[in-house]
Amino acid sequence: MRLFATSPRVSLSVVVPVRNEQDNILPLLAEIHAALEGRGEFEVVYVDDGSRDATPERLAEAMARYPRLRVLRHRESCGQSAALMTGVRAARGEWIATLDGDGQNDPADIPRLIGARDEAEGAVALVSGYRRRRQDSLVKRLSSRVANGVRSRLLGDATPDTGCGLKLVRRAAYLELPYFDHMHRFIPALVQRDGGATRVVEVGHRPRTRGRSNYGVLDRLWVGIVDLAGVMWLRRRGRRPEASEVPRR
């Protein structure tokens, strides 16, 4: 199946990875459309990461309601990073807005990210959300704080909340990043490694009211230790040569 973007193009693609989120599909889609209607051409790309509940049925229902919605499906669950990459590859927009499919990210914050990008006058490749007031359990908040602190200290990416699903990134820049499992937690550092400028914008965060978390707490630190070491290696080994074409004599 061809996943790469084809015409017609749009200015923004909203990419949402989901796994077993049957009760969040329709409410979140309504919010995405309410936030972006009248703000230029956009599309919404959902990637179903091998759901085993009624998520496929809810997405089929949503496609009948929302002409801008496109749906891709992994036969088996491959993880959030894989789902995001699938969606970005398929997207038609020059810019990608990502958000989690559990309803905790507020789509109304997407225009704030776009505004921060526009204020930078084209000099930025990534705008990351910062959930200063997280609405999660104490265990999740503490584990995330530790993981973000360790990553920030070792990578120096100046991003206090790399795990926030709400991001705005240039599609071309995303596709140039090295892919690996859990890479979505290191996107600011990877973009900076390639010479891209990044910004951080404080965004809202909401408690989960439907369904349950599909990705465990441990990957916020312990499972990511090997990945963190790998990203540190990539940053040390990264080179950005400046080249110019030799004129013909």
Protein backbone atom coordinates (compact mmCIF):
# COMPACT_ATOMS: atom_id res chain seq x y z
CA MET A 1 0.00 0.00 0.00
CA ARG A 2 1.36 3.42 -0.98
CA LEU A 3 1.75 5.64 2.11
CA PHE A 4 3.63 8.61 0.70
CA ALA A 5 1.81 11.86 0.14
CA THR A 6 0.10 12.57 -3.18
CA SER A 7 -1.78 15.62 -4.41
CA PRO A 8 -3.84 17.56 -3.57
CA ARG A 9 -1.68 19.25 -0.93
CA VAL A 10 -2.92 21.02 2.17
CA SER A 11 -1.19 23.48 4.48
CA LEU A 12 -1.55 21.37 7.64
CA SER A 13 -1.92 17.68 8.40
CA VAL A 14 -3.07 16.67 11.88
CA VAL A 15 -1.62 13.23 12.67
CA VAL A 16 -3.20 11.24 15.50
CA PRO A 17 -1.92 7.77 16.52
CA VAL A 18 -4.51 5.65 18.34
CA ARG A 19 -4.74 2.21 19.87
CA ASN A 20 -7.95 0.99 21.51
CA GLU A 21 -9.49 4.47 21.77
CA GLN A 22 -13.03 3.68 20.61
CA ASP A 23 -14.69 6.16 22.96
CA ASN A 24 -12.36 9.04 22.11
CA ILE A 25 -12.50 8.95 18.30
CA LEU A 26 -15.63 11.00 17.58
CA PRO A 27 -15.32 13.56 20.43
CA LEU A 28 -11.69 14.36 19.57
CA LEU A 29 -12.38 14.65 15.86
CA ALA A 30 -15.16 17.13 16.56
CA GLU A 31 -12.74 19.23 18.63
CA ILE A 32 -10.02 19.12 15.95
CA HIS A 33 -12.42 20.38 13.31
CA ALA A 34 -13.82 23.07 15.61
CA ALA A 35 -10.29 24.32 16.34
CA LEU A 36 -9.15 24.48 12.71
CA GLU A 37 -12.24 25.35 10.64
CA GLY A 38 -11.67 28.62 8.79
CA ARG A 39 -7.89 28.59 9.39
CA GLY A 40 -6.80 27.28 6.00
CA GLU A 41 -6.86 23.92 4.29
CA PHE A 42 -6.12 20.98 6.56
CA GLU A 43 -6.54 17.23 6.75
CA VAL A 44 -6.69 14.78 9.65
CA VAL A 45 -4.73 11.53 9.46
CA TYR A 46 -5.56 8.85 12.02
CA VAL A 47 -3.26 5.85 12.36
CA ASP A 48 -4.90 2.89 14.07
CA ASP A 49 -2.02 1.01 15.69
CA GLY A 50 -3.57 -2.46 15.64
CA SER A 51 -6.60 -1.74 17.84
CA ARG A 52 -8.57 -4.71 19.17
CA ASP A 53 -11.68 -2.83 20.30
CA ALA A 54 -14.27 -0.95 18.22
CA THR A 55 -11.80 1.74 17.12
CA PRO A 56 -11.93 0.62 13.43
CA GLU A 57 -15.73 0.85 13.45
CA ARG A 58 -15.68 4.30 15.05
CA LEU A 59 -13.13 5.48 12.48
CA ALA A 60 -15.27 4.13 9.62
CA GLU A 61 -18.22 6.05 11.05
CA ALA A 62 -16.08 9.17 11.37
CA MET A 63 -14.91 8.95 7.74
CA ALA A 64 -18.54 9.16 6.63
CA ARG A 65 -18.89 12.34 8.70
CA TYR A 66 -15.62 14.11 8.03
CA PRO A 67 -14.38 14.36 4.41
CA ARG A 68 -11.00 15.64 5.60
CA LEU A 69 -10.33 12.46 7.58
CA ARG A 70 -7.97 9.78 6.27
CA VAL A 71 -7.34 6.53 8.14
CA LEU A 72 -4.38 4.16 8.05
CA ARG A 73 -4.21 0.93 10.00
CA HIS A 74 -1.38 -1.24 11.28
CA ARG A 75 -2.28 -4.92 11.16
CA GLU A 76 -0.44 -5.39 14.47
CA SER A 77 0.52 -2.84 17.12
CA CYS A 78 3.94 -1.38 16.31
CA GLY A 79 4.11 1.38 18.90
CA GLN A 80 3.52 5.12 18.96
CA SER A 81 6.68 6.11 17.10
CA ALA A 82 5.85 3.75 14.24
CA ALA A 83 2.27 5.05 14.08
CA LEU A 84 3.47 8.64 13.96
CA MET A 85 5.96 7.88 11.18
CA THR A 86 3.25 6.11 9.18
CA GLY A 87 1.01 9.17 9.51
CA VAL A 88 3.73 11.68 8.64
CA ARG A 89 4.76 9.71 5.55
CA ALA A 90 1.17 9.63 4.35
CA ALA A 91 0.46 13.29 5.16
CA ARG A 92 -0.04 15.84 2.40
CA GLY A 93 0.68 18.97 4.43
CA GLU A 94 3.94 20.88 4.54
CA TRP A 95 3.44 21.12 8.32
CA ILE A 96 2.38 18.36 10.70
CA ALA A 97 0.50 18.83 13.97
CA THR A 98 0.61 15.76 16.20
CA LEU A 99 -1.48 15.02 19.25
CA ASP A 100 -2.33 12.00 21.35
CA GLY A 101 -5.59 10.22 20.64
CA ASP A 102 -6.70 9.89 24.26
CA GLY A 103 -8.28 13.36 24.48
CA GLN A 104 -5.80 14.75 27.02
CA ASN A 105 -4.22 17.14 24.50
CA ASP A 106 -6.56 20.02 23.64
CA PRO A 107 -6.85 20.60 19.86
CA ALA A 108 -7.66 24.25 20.63
CA ASP A 109 -3.93 24.65 21.38
CA ILE A 110 -2.92 23.84 17.79
CA PRO A 111 -3.48 27.47 16.63
CA ARG A 112 -1.17 28.60 19.46
CA LEU A 113 1.61 26.43 18.07
CA ILE A 114 0.95 27.81 14.59
CA GLY A 115 1.11 31.34 15.97
CA ALA A 116 4.50 30.65 17.60
CA ARG A 117 5.77 29.29 14.30
CA ASP A 118 4.55 32.35 12.41
CA GLU A 119 6.15 34.71 14.92
CA ALA A 120 9.48 33.00 14.23
CA GLU A 121 9.10 34.03 10.55
CA GLY A 122 10.02 30.69 9.03
CA ALA A 123 13.13 30.14 11.13
CA VAL A 124 11.67 27.30 13.19
CA ALA A 125 11.31 23.62 12.28
CA LEU A 126 9.51 22.45 15.43
CA VAL A 127 7.19 23.92 18.06
CA SER A 128 6.72 21.66 21.09
CA GLY A 129 3.93 21.78 23.65
CA TYR A 130 4.74 22.04 27.34
CA ARG A 131 2.21 20.57 29.78
CA ARG A 132 3.09 22.66 32.80
CA ARG A 133 -0.03 21.56 34.70
CA ARG A 134 -0.39 17.87 33.86
CA GLN A 135 -3.66 16.16 34.74
CA ASP A 136 -2.25 12.68 35.38
CA SER A 137 -1.65 10.37 38.31
CA LEU A 138 1.15 11.18 40.75
CA VAL A 139 3.19 8.22 39.48
CA LYS A 140 2.94 9.43 35.88
CA ARG A 141 3.82 13.00 36.80
CA LEU A 142 6.83 11.99 38.87
CA SER A 143 8.16 9.51 36.31
CA SER A 144 7.75 12.07 33.53
CA ARG A 145 9.49 14.76 35.59
CA VAL A 146 12.46 12.48 36.24
CA ALA A 147 12.65 11.33 32.61
CA ASN A 148 12.44 14.88 31.25
CA GLY A 149 15.05 16.06 33.74
CA VAL A 150 17.49 13.32 32.76
CA ARG A 151 16.95 13.88 29.03
CA SER A 152 17.26 17.65 29.32
CA ARG A 153 20.48 17.44 31.33
CA LEU A 154 22.15 14.91 29.04
CA LEU A 155 20.90 16.19 25.68
CA GLY A 156 20.68 19.92 26.39
CA ASP A 157 17.63 20.23 24.14
CA ALA A 158 16.06 23.09 26.14
CA THR A 159 12.70 21.29 26.07
CA PRO A 160 11.02 20.72 29.45
CA ASP A 161 8.40 18.24 28.19
CA THR A 162 9.59 16.13 25.27
CA GLY A 163 6.84 13.57 25.96
CA CYS A 164 4.03 16.00 25.12
CA GLY A 165 2.15 14.63 22.13
CA LEU A 166 1.16 18.10 20.94
CA LYS A 167 3.78 19.29 18.44
CA LEU A 168 4.00 21.24 15.19
CA VAL A 169 6.81 20.17 12.89
CA ARG A 170 7.82 20.71 9.29
CA ARG A 171 7.12 17.44 7.48
CA ALA A 172 10.37 17.46 5.52
CA ALA A 173 12.35 17.91 8.76
CA TYR A 174 10.51 15.01 10.44
CA LEU A 175 11.17 12.64 7.56
CA GLU A 176 14.90 13.37 7.72
CA LEU A 177 15.13 12.21 11.36
CA PRO A 178 16.64 8.80 12.15
CA TYR A 179 13.82 6.39 12.93
CA PHE A 180 13.82 4.03 15.92
CA ASP A 181 11.28 2.83 18.45
CA HIS A 182 10.43 5.52 21.03
CA MET A 183 12.00 8.23 18.85
CA HIS A 184 8.94 10.42 19.44
CA ARG A 185 10.30 11.21 22.92
CA PHE A 186 13.50 12.66 21.44
CA ILE A 187 12.18 14.71 18.52
CA PRO A 188 13.41 18.14 19.77
CA ALA A 189 16.99 16.86 20.23
CA LEU A 190 16.91 15.09 16.86
CA VAL A 191 15.59 18.18 15.05
CA GLN A 192 18.29 20.30 16.69
CA ARG A 193 20.92 17.75 15.66
CA ASP A 194 19.93 18.38 12.04
CA GLY A 195 20.25 22.13 12.51
CA GLY A 196 16.55 22.91 12.97
CA ALA A 197 15.43 25.64 15.35
CA THR A 198 12.85 24.71 17.99
CA ARG A 199 10.40 26.60 20.20
CA VAL A 200 8.37 25.64 23.29
CA VAL A 201 4.80 26.81 23.96
CA GLU A 202 2.84 26.12 27.13
CA VAL A 203 -0.34 24.17 26.39
CA GLY A 204 -3.23 22.81 28.38
CA HIS A 205 -3.63 19.24 29.55
CA ARG A 206 -6.80 17.41 30.49
CA PRO A 207 -7.56 14.34 32.60
CA ARG A 208 -8.34 11.17 30.72
CA THR A 209 -12.11 10.67 30.94
CA ARG A 210 -12.55 7.70 28.57
CA GLY A 211 -10.52 4.51 28.12
CA ARG A 212 -7.16 3.75 29.68
CA SER A 213 -3.50 4.32 28.87
CA ASN A 214 -2.06 1.98 26.25
CA TYR A 215 1.59 2.74 26.86
CA GLY A 216 3.26 1.98 30.19
CA VAL A 217 4.89 4.32 32.70
CA LEU A 218 8.29 2.62 32.59
CA ASP A 219 9.10 3.76 29.06
CA ARG A 220 9.34 7.31 30.39
CA LEU A 221 12.70 6.50 31.93
CA TRP A 222 13.98 2.95 32.30
CA VAL A 223 12.99 1.57 28.91
CA GLY A 224 14.38 4.76 27.32
CA ILE A 225 17.87 4.54 28.81
CA VAL A 226 19.32 2.67 25.82
CA ASP A 227 17.53 5.05 23.43
CA LEU A 228 18.89 8.04 25.36
CA ALA A 229 22.43 6.71 25.01
CA GLY A 230 21.81 6.22 21.29
CA VAL A 231 20.56 9.79 20.82
CA MET A 232 23.60 11.12 22.68
CA TRP A 233 25.78 9.15 20.26
CA LEU A 234 23.86 10.50 17.27
CA ARG A 235 24.30 14.07 18.48
CA ARG A 236 28.03 13.63 18.99
CA ARG A 237 28.45 12.04 15.56
CA GLY A 238 26.18 14.45 13.71
CA ARG A 239 27.79 16.67 11.07
CA ARG A 240 26.20 19.49 9.10
CA PRO A 241 28.53 20.23 6.15
CA GLU A 242 28.10 23.46 4.25
CA ALA A 243 28.35 22.87 0.52
CA SER A 244 28.10 25.10 -2.51
CA GLU A 245 28.02 24.21 -6.17
CA VAL A 246 31.17 24.89 -8.15
CA PRO A 247 30.35 27.17 -11.10
CA ARG A 248 31.04 25.83 -14.60
CA ARG A 249 33.97 27.54 -16.37
